[in-house]
């Protein structure tokens, strides 16, 4: 059986403490805040190209050899983050 990224994403469980995993509400709020923060960033005067350049210049990114295409993939999919994981009532 072949696992897709969607399969992996649906099985994510965030645990800071084995006895007290994060609640879905806390995770949902974090995703909403990330989405809003990214929206604000993209509405600023900083272009996506400039953001990629800045990220590639970060020491941790350089040493981990994160590629430009990986960064572009994340940036292109961040706007979908909230709609993908958060169901509105």
Protein backbone atom coordinates (compact mmCIF):
# COMPACT_ATOMS: atom_id res chain seq x y z
CA UNK A 1 0.00 0.00 0.00
CA UNK A 2 1.36 3.39 -0.99
CA UNK A 3 0.96 6.26 1.48
CA UNK A 4 0.29 9.74 0.16
CA UNK A 5 1.05 13.07 1.81
CA UNK A 6 -2.67 13.34 2.55
CA UNK A 7 -2.57 10.04 4.48
CA UNK A 8 0.38 11.26 6.51
CA UNK A 9 -1.23 14.65 7.18
CA UNK A 10 -4.43 13.10 8.50
CA UNK A 11 -2.50 11.02 11.02
CA UNK A 12 -0.56 13.87 12.61
CA UNK A 13 -0.65 13.96 16.39
CA UNK A 14 1.12 16.71 18.30
CA UNK A 15 2.37 15.66 21.70
CA UNK A 16 4.31 17.90 24.08
CA UNK A 17 3.65 15.52 26.93
CA UNK A 18 2.80 11.83 26.44
CA UNK A 19 0.11 12.08 29.11
CA UNK A 20 -1.43 15.29 27.76
CA UNK A 21 -1.45 15.57 23.95
CA UNK A 22 -2.57 18.90 22.49
CA UNK A 23 -6.31 19.24 22.03
CA UNK A 24 -7.79 19.69 18.57
CA UNK A 25 -8.98 23.16 19.60
CA UNK A 26 -5.45 24.30 20.47
CA UNK A 27 -4.09 22.89 17.20
CA UNK A 28 -6.90 24.54 15.25
CA UNK A 29 -6.17 27.90 16.88
CA UNK A 30 -2.47 27.55 16.07
CA UNK A 31 -3.25 26.78 12.42
CA UNK A 32 -5.57 29.79 12.22
CA UNK A 33 -2.87 32.05 13.71
CA UNK A 34 -0.26 30.71 11.27
CA UNK A 35 -2.64 31.31 8.37
CA UNK A 36 -3.42 34.87 9.47
CA UNK A 37 0.25 35.63 10.03
CA UNK A 38 1.15 34.35 6.59
CA UNK A 39 -1.66 36.37 5.01
CA UNK A 40 -0.30 39.51 6.68
CA UNK A 41 3.20 38.72 5.50
CA UNK A 42 2.10 38.21 1.91
CA UNK A 43 0.13 41.49 1.97
CA UNK A 44 3.27 43.37 3.01
CA UNK A 45 5.73 44.82 0.54
CA UNK A 46 7.97 41.77 0.86
CA UNK A 47 7.74 39.67 -2.30
CA UNK A 48 7.74 35.89 -2.27
CA UNK A 49 11.09 35.95 -4.05
CA UNK A 50 12.57 38.18 -1.32
CA UNK A 51 11.13 35.93 1.39
CA UNK A 52 12.66 32.85 -0.23
CA UNK A 53 16.02 34.60 -0.46
CA UNK A 54 15.86 35.58 3.22
CA UNK A 55 14.89 32.07 4.27
CA UNK A 56 17.67 30.49 2.20
CA UNK A 57 20.16 32.80 3.91
CA UNK A 58 19.20 31.65 7.42
CA UNK A 59 22.00 29.60 9.02
CA UNK A 60 19.76 26.65 9.94
CA UNK A 61 18.33 26.50 6.43
CA UNK A 62 21.78 26.63 4.85
CA UNK A 63 23.17 23.84 7.02
CA UNK A 64 20.12 21.61 6.55
CA UNK A 65 20.30 22.07 2.78
CA UNK A 66 16.64 22.97 2.35
CA UNK A 67 16.10 23.62 -1.34
CA UNK A 68 14.50 26.63 -2.99
CA UNK A 69 11.81 24.34 -4.42
CA UNK A 70 10.98 23.00 -0.93
CA UNK A 71 10.57 26.55 0.37
CA UNK A 72 8.42 27.49 -2.63
CA UNK A 73 6.26 24.40 -2.05
CA UNK A 74 5.66 25.38 1.59
CA UNK A 75 4.97 29.03 0.75
CA UNK A 76 2.58 28.09 -2.06
CA UNK A 77 0.63 25.76 0.23
CA UNK A 78 0.51 27.86 3.41
CA UNK A 79 -2.56 29.79 2.17
CA UNK A 80 -4.42 26.44 1.98
CA UNK A 81 -3.42 25.38 5.49
CA UNK A 82 -6.50 26.62 7.31
CA UNK A 83 -9.01 25.48 4.70
CA UNK A 84 -7.39 22.04 4.52
CA UNK A 85 -7.36 21.29 8.25
CA UNK A 86 -10.07 23.49 9.79
CA UNK A 87 -13.77 22.76 9.25
CA UNK A 88 -16.02 25.75 9.78
CA UNK A 89 -19.29 25.16 11.61
